[in-house]
Amino acid sequence: MNTPRPWRRGLLPLALLLLGCAATAQAGPAMLTVGQGWAWVREFFPASGQKDIDRIVWTNPPAQIDLPTLQVWNVRRPWPIREWRWLGSGTPPAPADETRPLVWRPRKEEPPPPAPNRLEILFAEPLSHSMGHSLAYRLPDFNWNAFYRVTVRGIGPQSIEAVQVDLTGYLRIQNGTSASYPEARVSLVGSDASLQPPPKPFGLLDLNPDTALTDLWLAPQAPEPSMPSTYPLETEADIPANGQAEIQFAKVSRKPAQITHICDSAEIPAPTPQGGLPLRRVLLIPNTAAMGLGFPLPPGEADLFLGSSRGAPFQSGHVSHTPLPGTLELDMGPVGTVRASRQAGEETPLPEGAWQADYTLTLANDLSSPVHIQVREAPSTPMQWSLVRSSVPCTQTTRALHFDLTLPPQSTKAISYRLRLVARAQP
């Protein structure tokens, strides 16, 4: 008689134990990708331990589910579905249309039949259920918006010291469906509405070339939709049914930040009134892991506090889409302690048939600390221009000149440059 070896005697209970653990393993939390008006959901279900199954029954699916988008996944790929059907009588209730008017009826209507709460899904080929499965589907009536609280320390009326910043990012998720998702993993998809071009004026009337009795309405061309961005936050959230969830997705505590001042020729006309015009102050926060960030930041409104987060905010602004790598920019408004003035000379003809013009930009810093200034000079001329010389090094693009400099405390800096102008070629 053959005697079983000791290692075989210990292997059989271990295999049974692993199989039992796989069958009773708990499923992971749901993953939600929330867009603007919709959400993609992926729910995970534990393994049953069966090798080949040809059907599953889903209990209590969301009433507002978009069934044509339903997918069944194994570990790696979606599994082919032959058909699905509701078990029981009736059909799932349609979502209420809030735009329809209310109608009063004197007779009491019979209650609708109970909607089925089980969905049977039949597979086109057997599925091994040793690792469980997941269901992916689309839901309507989801939305999100981001909100930031920013506290800046180190900015005084006379100087800008070593600036430190606190930043907290909050995310609000609106769920208009009857499905709840506790401990869900949330990511976002959406576009920044502030990056859309401003609306064009109304259209114009034009003569119809086919018949003089009618006119043509030339409506302005609609802008192309902006490409949505993905924000893989993977943040945990308890999303209630027909409610709102608010979670914190970003936290920055006492990190150094930069302050810059923007001088744009579109905001500083030439000639400038006496004394110059104030420049806009912008807070720059690097989007890096060292700052406590290191992931794409969604657009949203922001409240700015100076010194402390107590009391009313200093001002409110907007945080645009911030990629990775990138820099979060927050406009802090104009400041009278850093000013600029511009002067434009007359266009002088040259012997070869071109023209030249001289421009002067004067920057003034009244603070007792140095300031950083970014200058964008876009010459306001219909002619084609090229840079001849500049008193300060700059970067030239097809439409503007860019200067980047640091102004010492209590000082004034003049930037002068000359442009060569030629007439544009006629098409």
Protein backbone atom coordinates (compact mmCIF):
# COMPACT_ATOMS: atom_id res chain seq x y z
CA MET A 1 0.00 0.00 0.00
CA ASN A 2 1.28 3.45 -0.89
CA THR A 3 1.65 5.82 2.02
CA PRO A 4 0.82 9.49 1.23
CA ARG A 5 3.78 11.78 1.55
CA PRO A 6 3.71 14.42 4.30
CA TRP A 7 3.94 17.38 1.88
CA ARG A 8 0.94 16.07 -0.06
CA ARG A 9 -1.08 15.77 3.13
CA GLY A 10 -0.37 19.45 3.91
CA LEU A 11 -0.93 20.68 0.34
CA LEU A 12 -4.57 19.53 0.05
CA PRO A 13 -5.87 21.53 3.07
CA LEU A 14 -3.89 24.56 1.88
CA ALA A 15 -5.49 24.37 -1.57
CA LEU A 16 -8.96 24.07 -0.06
CA LEU A 17 -8.24 27.04 2.20
CA LEU A 18 -7.11 29.21 -0.73
CA LEU A 19 -10.16 28.21 -2.72
CA GLY A 20 -12.43 29.08 0.16
CA CYS A 21 -10.70 32.45 0.62
CA ALA A 22 -11.13 33.20 -3.08
CA ALA A 23 -14.82 32.36 -2.92
CA THR A 24 -15.44 34.50 0.16
CA ALA A 25 -13.13 37.40 -0.79
CA GLN A 26 -14.73 40.79 -0.55
CA ALA A 27 -15.07 42.86 -3.72
CA GLY A 28 -13.19 46.13 -4.03
CA PRO A 29 -14.86 49.57 -3.97
CA ALA A 30 -16.52 50.92 -7.08
CA MET A 31 -14.57 53.14 -9.45
CA LEU A 32 -16.34 56.24 -10.80
CA THR A 33 -15.20 58.50 -13.63
CA VAL A 34 -17.43 61.54 -13.23
CA GLY A 35 -17.95 63.84 -16.18
CA GLN A 36 -20.11 66.88 -16.76
CA GLY A 37 -23.61 65.41 -16.87
CA TRP A 38 -22.70 61.72 -16.70
CA ALA A 39 -20.54 59.13 -14.95
CA TRP A 40 -18.92 55.84 -15.88
CA VAL A 41 -19.17 53.30 -13.08
CA ARG A 42 -17.26 50.06 -12.59
CA GLU A 43 -18.49 47.82 -9.77
CA PHE A 44 -16.55 44.77 -8.59
CA PHE A 45 -18.15 41.53 -7.41
CA PRO A 46 -16.44 38.69 -5.46
CA ALA A 47 -15.63 35.30 -6.96
CA SER A 48 -18.04 32.40 -6.59
CA GLY A 49 -15.37 29.74 -7.10
CA GLN A 50 -17.06 28.24 -10.19
CA LYS A 51 -14.90 27.54 -13.20
CA ASP A 52 -17.44 28.07 -16.00
CA ILE A 53 -20.65 30.06 -15.72
CA ASP A 54 -22.94 31.10 -18.55
CA ARG A 55 -25.14 33.62 -16.69
CA ILE A 56 -25.14 36.03 -13.79
CA VAL A 57 -28.04 37.76 -12.02
CA TRP A 58 -27.53 41.36 -10.95
CA THR A 59 -29.63 42.36 -7.94
CA ASN A 60 -30.81 45.96 -7.49
CA PRO A 61 -29.17 47.65 -10.51
CA PRO A 62 -29.51 51.44 -10.73
CA ALA A 63 -32.88 52.45 -12.16
CA GLN A 64 -31.30 55.10 -14.44
CA ILE A 65 -28.67 52.77 -15.94
CA ASP A 66 -27.93 53.14 -19.64
CA LEU A 67 -28.26 49.45 -20.50
CA PRO A 68 -26.74 49.62 -24.02
CA THR A 69 -23.45 50.64 -22.35
CA LEU A 70 -23.37 47.69 -19.91
CA GLN A 71 -20.19 45.58 -19.99
CA VAL A 72 -19.14 42.51 -18.01
CA TRP A 73 -15.39 42.27 -17.36
CA ASN A 74 -13.23 39.45 -16.16
CA VAL A 75 -9.75 40.28 -14.93
CA ARG A 76 -8.39 41.58 -18.23
CA ARG A 77 -11.08 42.20 -20.84
CA PRO A 78 -14.83 42.62 -21.40
CA TRP A 79 -16.73 39.35 -21.81
CA PRO A 80 -19.12 38.92 -24.77
CA ILE A 81 -22.78 39.20 -23.77
CA ARG A 82 -25.41 37.25 -25.69
CA GLU A 83 -28.43 38.96 -24.15
CA TRP A 84 -29.80 40.45 -20.95
CA ARG A 85 -33.34 40.53 -19.58
CA TRP A 86 -35.26 41.69 -16.55
CA LEU A 87 -36.56 39.01 -14.24
CA GLY A 88 -40.12 39.58 -13.08
CA SER A 89 -43.03 41.58 -14.46
CA GLY A 90 -43.02 45.11 -15.68
CA THR A 91 -40.21 47.35 -16.85
CA PRO A 92 -37.84 49.52 -14.87
CA PRO A 93 -39.29 52.96 -14.12
CA ALA A 94 -38.18 55.75 -16.42
CA PRO A 95 -36.49 58.75 -14.81
CA ALA A 96 -38.88 61.60 -14.02
CA ASP A 97 -38.90 64.48 -16.50
CA GLU A 98 -38.73 67.65 -14.41
CA THR A 99 -39.49 69.84 -17.44
CA ARG A 100 -42.99 68.45 -17.96
CA PRO A 101 -45.88 70.46 -16.42
CA LEU A 102 -47.76 69.12 -13.44
CA VAL A 103 -51.20 67.71 -14.24
CA TRP A 104 -53.89 67.38 -11.58
CA ARG A 105 -56.27 64.46 -11.93
CA PRO A 106 -59.40 64.12 -9.78
CA ARG A 107 -59.23 60.34 -9.70
CA LYS A 108 -56.62 58.48 -7.80
CA GLU A 109 -54.37 56.60 -10.16
CA GLU A 110 -53.46 53.02 -9.56
CA PRO A 111 -49.90 52.59 -8.35
CA PRO A 112 -47.54 51.31 -11.03
CA PRO A 113 -46.51 47.66 -10.85
CA PRO A 114 -43.33 47.02 -8.91
CA ALA A 115 -40.28 47.37 -11.07
CA PRO A 116 -38.02 44.33 -11.37
CA ASN A 117 -34.89 44.52 -9.28
CA ARG A 118 -32.98 41.70 -10.93
CA LEU A 119 -31.19 41.73 -14.28
CA GLU A 120 -30.14 38.44 -15.86
CA ILE A 121 -27.09 38.59 -18.13
CA LEU A 122 -26.40 35.64 -20.45
CA PHE A 123 -22.89 35.14 -21.84
CA ALA A 124 -21.96 34.13 -25.37
CA GLU A 125 -19.29 31.79 -23.96
CA PRO A 126 -18.57 30.38 -20.49
CA LEU A 127 -16.75 32.63 -18.01
CA SER A 128 -14.31 31.42 -15.38
CA HIS A 129 -15.41 32.95 -12.08
CA SER A 130 -12.39 32.05 -9.94
CA MET A 131 -11.34 35.74 -9.83
CA GLY A 132 -14.78 37.38 -9.80
CA HIS A 133 -16.12 39.89 -12.29
CA SER A 134 -16.92 43.59 -12.64
CA LEU A 135 -19.73 45.53 -14.31
CA ALA A 136 -19.12 48.78 -16.21
CA TYR A 137 -21.97 51.06 -17.23
CA ARG A 138 -22.92 54.68 -17.80
CA LEU A 139 -25.23 56.77 -15.61
CA PRO A 140 -26.76 60.20 -16.31
CA ASP A 141 -27.37 63.06 -13.84
CA PHE A 142 -23.82 63.24 -12.46
CA ASN A 143 -21.74 66.41 -12.24
CA TRP A 144 -18.78 67.88 -10.36
CA ASN A 145 -17.16 71.20 -9.50
CA ALA A 146 -13.90 72.01 -7.72
CA PHE A 147 -13.25 74.71 -5.10
CA TYR A 148 -9.97 76.00 -3.64
CA ARG A 149 -9.02 77.88 -0.47
CA VAL A 150 -5.64 79.60 -0.70
CA THR A 151 -3.90 81.39 2.16
CA VAL A 152 -0.79 83.48 1.42
CA ARG A 153 1.65 84.61 4.11
CA GLY A 154 4.55 87.05 3.71
CA ILE A 155 2.86 89.79 1.66
CA GLY A 156 2.92 93.19 3.36
CA PRO A 157 1.97 96.71 2.25
CA GLN A 158 5.63 97.74 1.95
CA SER A 159 7.41 94.59 0.84
CA ILE A 160 7.08 91.01 -0.34
CA GLU A 161 8.98 88.75 2.02
CA ALA A 162 9.49 84.98 1.75
CA VAL A 163 6.00 83.99 0.59
CA GLN A 164 4.41 80.82 1.96
CA VAL A 165 1.14 79.34 0.84
CA ASP A 166 -1.54 76.99 2.19
CA LEU A 167 -3.86 75.40 -0.35
CA THR A 168 -6.82 73.10 0.13
CA GLY A 169 -8.78 71.67 -2.79
CA TYR A 170 -12.34 70.42 -2.39
CA LEU A 171 -14.47 68.45 -4.83
CA ARG A 172 -18.26 68.45 -4.90
CA ILE A 173 -19.98 65.58 -6.71
CA GLN A 174 -23.70 65.82 -7.49
CA ASN A 175 -25.51 62.50 -7.88
CA GLY A 176 -29.04 62.72 -9.27
CA THR A 177 -29.63 58.97 -9.47
CA SER A 178 -31.00 56.44 -6.98
CA ALA A 179 -27.67 54.57 -6.75
CA SER A 180 -25.27 55.07 -3.84
CA TYR A 181 -21.56 54.23 -3.85
CA PRO A 182 -19.86 54.01 -0.44
CA GLU A 183 -16.06 54.26 -0.39
CA ALA A 184 -15.91 54.81 -4.15
CA ARG A 185 -12.74 55.73 -6.04
CA VAL A 186 -13.41 58.94 -7.98
CA SER A 187 -11.72 60.38 -11.07
CA LEU A 188 -12.84 63.34 -13.18
CA VAL A 189 -13.25 64.21 -16.85
CA GLY A 190 -14.17 67.70 -18.03
CA SER A 191 -13.15 70.91 -19.74
CA ASP A 192 -12.45 74.39 -18.40
CA ALA A 193 -15.27 76.74 -19.39
CA SER A 194 -13.02 79.77 -18.80
CA LEU A 195 -10.79 78.70 -21.72
CA GLN A 196 -13.67 78.92 -24.19
CA PRO A 197 -13.48 81.95 -26.53
CA PRO A 198 -15.96 84.74 -25.76
CA PRO A 199 -19.27 84.57 -27.64
CA LYS A 200 -19.30 86.32 -30.98
CA PRO A 201 -21.81 89.09 -31.75
CA PHE A 202 -25.11 88.36 -33.43
CA GLY A 203 -25.21 87.45 -37.13
CA LEU A 204 -25.70 89.74 -40.12
CA LEU A 205 -28.28 89.96 -42.90
CA ASP A 206 -27.02 89.52 -46.45
CA LEU A 207 -28.64 89.48 -49.88
CA ASN A 208 -29.67 86.13 -51.26
CA PRO A 209 -27.95 85.66 -54.65
CA ASP A 210 -30.64 83.21 -55.79
CA THR A 211 -33.64 85.48 -55.34
CA ALA A 212 -33.89 89.14 -54.41
CA LEU A 213 -37.10 88.57 -52.43
CA THR A 214 -35.35 86.90 -49.49
CA ASP A 215 -32.34 87.59 -47.34
CA LEU A 216 -29.72 85.33 -45.82
CA TRP A 217 -29.05 85.26 -42.09
CA LEU A 218 -25.32 84.82 -41.59
CA ALA A 219 -25.03 83.44 -38.08
CA PRO A 220 -21.56 83.46 -36.46
CA GLN A 221 -19.72 80.18 -36.56
CA ALA A 222 -19.96 78.24 -33.32
CA PRO A 223 -16.60 77.67 -31.56
CA GLU A 224 -15.18 74.19 -31.61
CA PRO A 225 -15.69 72.28 -28.36
CA SER A 226 -12.62 72.18 -26.18
CA MET A 227 -10.86 68.89 -25.61
CA PRO A 228 -11.80 67.50 -22.17
CA SER A 229 -9.05 66.73 -19.69
CA THR A 230 -8.70 63.72 -17.40
CA TYR A 231 -8.00 64.08 -13.69
CA PRO A 232 -7.06 60.66 -12.23
CA LEU A 233 -7.47 61.70 -8.59
CA GLU A 234 -8.38 58.22 -7.32
CA THR A 235 -9.91 59.94 -4.28
CA GLU A 236 -12.16 58.01 -1.90
CA ALA A 237 -15.69 59.33 -1.47
CA ASP A 238 -19.03 58.20 -0.06
CA ILE A 239 -21.52 59.24 -2.75
CA PRO A 240 -25.13 59.13 -1.50
CA ALA A 241 -28.16 58.57 -3.70
CA ASN A 242 -29.89 61.75 -4.88
CA GLY A 243 -27.41 63.86 -2.97
CA GLN A 244 -24.04 65.56 -2.93
CA ALA A 245 -20.64 64.47 -1.67
CA GLU A 246 -17.83 66.86 -0.72
CA ILE A 247 -14.29 65.54 -0.41
CA GLN A 248 -10.81 66.98 -0.06
CA PHE A 249 -8.44 66.05 -2.88
CA ALA A 250 -5.46 68.42 -2.40
CA LYS A 251 -3.58 69.75 0.63
CA VAL A 252 -0.57 72.09 0.72
CA SER A 253 0.76 73.36 4.06
CA ARG A 254 3.35 76.12 4.51
CA LYS A 255 5.12 75.66 1.18
CA PRO A 256 7.16 78.38 -0.59
CA ALA A 257 5.49 80.05 -3.56
CA GLN A 258 6.40 82.74 -6.06
CA ILE A 259 4.89 86.12 -6.80
CA THR A 260 5.13 87.69 -10.25
CA HIS A 261 3.71 90.83 -11.84
CA ILE A 262 2.25 90.80 -15.34
CA CYS A 263 2.78 93.71 -17.71
CA ASP A 264 0.69 93.20 -20.85
CA SER A 265 0.71 95.85 -23.57
CA ALA A 266 -3.02 95.21 -24.07
CA GLU A 267 -3.65 96.60 -20.55
CA ILE A 268 -0.99 99.36 -20.60
CA PRO A 269 -1.85 101.68 -23.51
CA ALA A 270 0.55 104.12 -25.15
CA PRO A 271 0.73 106.89 -24.19
CA THR A 272 0.07 106.01 -20.54
CA PRO A 273 -1.40 108.52 -18.07
CA GLN A 274 1.08 110.29 -15.83
CA GLY A 275 2.27 108.07 -12.97
CA GLY A 276 1.72 104.84 -14.88
CA LEU A 277 -0.82 102.08 -14.39
CA PRO A 278 -0.70 99.29 -11.76
CA LEU A 279 0.36 95.79 -12.78
CA ARG A 280 -1.50 92.59 -11.97
CA ARG A 281 0.00 90.43 -9.23
CA VAL A 282 -0.12 86.67 -9.84
CA LEU A 283 0.56 83.86 -7.36
CA LEU A 284 2.50 80.92 -8.82
CA ILE A 285 2.35 77.49 -7.13
CA PRO A 286 4.42 74.71 -8.76
CA ASN A 287 2.39 71.57 -9.40
CA THR A 288 4.98 69.11 -8.07
CA ALA A 289 5.09 66.28 -5.55
CA ALA A 290 7.44 68.35 -3.36
CA MET A 291 4.62 70.90 -2.95
CA GLY A 292 2.18 68.18 -1.93
CA LEU A 293 0.50 68.07 -5.35
CA GLY A 294 1.94 66.24 -8.36
CA PHE A 295 -1.25 65.47 -10.34
CA PRO A 296 -3.42 67.41 -12.82
CA LEU A 297 -5.60 69.94 -11.00
CA PRO A 298 -9.20 70.51 -12.15
CA PRO A 299 -10.49 74.04 -12.79
CA GLY A 300 -12.63 75.72 -10.16
CA GLU A 301 -13.36 78.81 -8.13
CA ALA A 302 -10.92 79.96 -5.43
CA ASP A 303 -11.04 82.13 -2.30
CA LEU A 304 -7.82 83.96 -1.47
CA PHE A 305 -6.88 84.87 2.11
CA LEU A 306 -3.93 86.98 3.26
CA GLY A 307 -2.13 86.02 6.47
CA SER A 308 -4.93 83.86 7.90
CA SER A 309 -7.97 81.96 6.68
CA ARG A 310 -10.20 83.56 9.31
CA GLY A 311 -12.76 86.13 8.30
CA ALA A 312 -13.84 87.09 4.80
CA PRO A 313 -11.56 86.27 1.86
CA PHE A 314 -9.35 88.98 0.41
CA GLN A 315 -10.79 88.25 -3.01
CA SER A 316 -12.23 85.44 -5.11
CA GLY A 317 -10.84 84.20 -8.39
CA HIS A 318 -10.61 81.26 -10.73
CA VAL A 319 -8.06 78.46 -10.99
CA SER A 320 -7.68 77.23 -14.55
CA HIS A 321 -6.82 73.72 -15.65
CA THR A 322 -3.30 72.99 -14.35
CA PRO A 323 -1.47 70.14 -16.11
CA LEU A 324 1.40 68.04 -14.79
CA PRO A 325 4.05 69.33 -14.95
CA GLY A 326 2.69 72.84 -14.72
CA THR A 327 2.12 75.85 -12.48
CA LEU A 328 -1.08 76.86 -10.72
CA GLU A 329 -1.73 80.58 -11.33
CA LEU A 330 -4.05 82.71 -9.23
CA ASP A 331 -4.70 86.34 -10.14
CA MET A 332 -4.38 88.55 -7.05
CA GLY A 333 -5.55 91.74 -8.75
CA PRO A 334 -3.75 95.01 -9.57
CA VAL A 335 -1.31 96.57 -7.11
CA GLY A 336 -0.37 100.26 -7.09
CA THR A 337 3.14 99.66 -5.75
CA VAL A 338 4.36 98.15 -9.05
CA ARG A 339 3.47 100.27 -12.10
CA ALA A 340 4.29 100.60 -15.77
CA SER A 341 4.02 103.22 -18.51
CA ARG A 342 4.51 102.94 -22.28
CA GLN A 343 5.50 105.39 -24.98
CA ALA A 344 5.34 104.70 -28.72
CA GLY A 345 7.36 106.75 -31.19
CA GLU A 346 6.31 107.78 -34.66
CA GLU A 347 6.92 105.51 -37.61
CA THR A 348 9.93 106.80 -39.57
CA PRO A 349 10.39 105.84 -43.25
CA LEU A 350 13.64 104.12 -44.30
CA PRO A 351 15.44 104.45 -47.67
CA GLU A 352 14.70 100.84 -48.69
CA GLY A 353 10.93 101.41 -48.44
CA ALA A 354 10.36 100.12 -44.91
CA TRP A 355 9.66 101.97 -41.65
CA GLN A 356 11.01 101.90 -38.13
CA ALA A 357 9.47 102.76 -34.77
CA ASP A 358 10.89 103.10 -31.25
CA TYR A 359 9.03 102.00 -28.12
CA THR A 360 9.82 102.68 -24.46
CA LEU A 361 8.47 100.83 -21.44
CA THR A 362 9.13 102.16 -17.92
CA LEU A 363 8.69 99.89 -14.88
CA ALA A 364 8.61 101.26 -11.30
CA ASN A 365 8.90 99.29 -8.05
CA ASP A 366 7.95 101.22 -4.89
CA LEU A 367 8.37 98.22 -2.56
CA SER A 368 11.33 97.66 -0.24
CA SER A 369 11.84 94.19 -1.70
CA PRO A 370 12.64 93.05 -5.26
CA VAL A 371 9.81 92.01 -7.57
CA HIS A 372 9.64 89.71 -10.55
CA ILE A 373 7.98 91.07 -13.71
CA GLN A 374 6.88 89.31 -16.89
CA VAL A 375 6.37 91.64 -19.85
CA ARG A 376 4.43 90.86 -23.02
CA GLU A 377 4.74 93.48 -25.76
CA ALA A 378 2.43 93.03 -28.73
CA PRO A 379 2.98 96.00 -31.09
CA SER A 380 -0.32 97.52 -32.17
CA THR A 381 0.45 97.93 -35.86
CA PRO A 382 -1.14 96.33 -38.94
CA MET A 383 2.27 96.06 -40.58
CA GLN A 384 4.66 93.13 -40.38
CA TRP A 385 7.38 93.80 -37.83
CA SER A 386 10.77 92.43 -36.76
CA LEU A 387 13.01 93.34 -33.83
CA VAL A 388 16.06 95.48 -34.62
CA ARG A 389 17.50 95.94 -31.14
CA SER A 390 16.46 95.89 -27.49
CA SER A 391 18.05 97.29 -24.33
CA VAL A 392 17.03 94.15 -22.38
CA PRO A 393 17.28 90.54 -23.64
CA CYS A 394 13.92 89.19 -24.75
CA THR A 395 12.23 86.25 -26.43
CA GLN A 396 10.56 86.94 -29.77
CA THR A 397 7.50 85.13 -31.09
CA THR A 398 5.40 85.78 -34.16
CA ARG A 399 3.05 88.10 -32.29
CA ALA A 400 4.86 89.50 -29.24
CA LEU A 401 8.09 90.18 -27.41
CA HIS A 402 8.53 88.62 -23.96
CA PHE A 403 10.76 90.14 -21.26
CA ASP A 404 11.51 88.43 -17.95
CA LEU A 405 13.34 90.48 -15.33
CA THR A 406 13.69 91.19 -11.62
CA LEU A 407 13.35 94.80 -10.48
CA PRO A 408 15.38 95.84 -7.39
CA PRO A 409 13.62 97.54 -4.47
CA GLN A 410 12.73 101.21 -4.78
CA SER A 411 13.94 101.36 -8.38
CA THR A 412 12.87 102.17 -11.92
CA LYS A 413 13.80 100.31 -15.10
CA ALA A 414 13.37 101.50 -18.69
CA ILE A 415 13.13 99.06 -21.59
CA SER A 416 13.55 100.44 -25.09
CA TYR A 417 13.40 98.54 -28.36
CA ARG A 418 13.20 99.31 -32.07
CA LEU A 419 11.06 97.57 -34.67
CA ARG A 420 11.39 97.41 -38.43
CA LEU A 421 8.04 97.62 -40.20
CA VAL A 422 7.15 96.45 -43.71
CA ALA A 423 3.84 96.29 -45.52
CA ARG A 424 2.16 92.91 -45.48
CA ALA A 425 1.94 91.07 -48.77
CA GLN A 426 -1.52 91.14 -50.33
CA PRO A 427 -3.12 87.70 -50.82
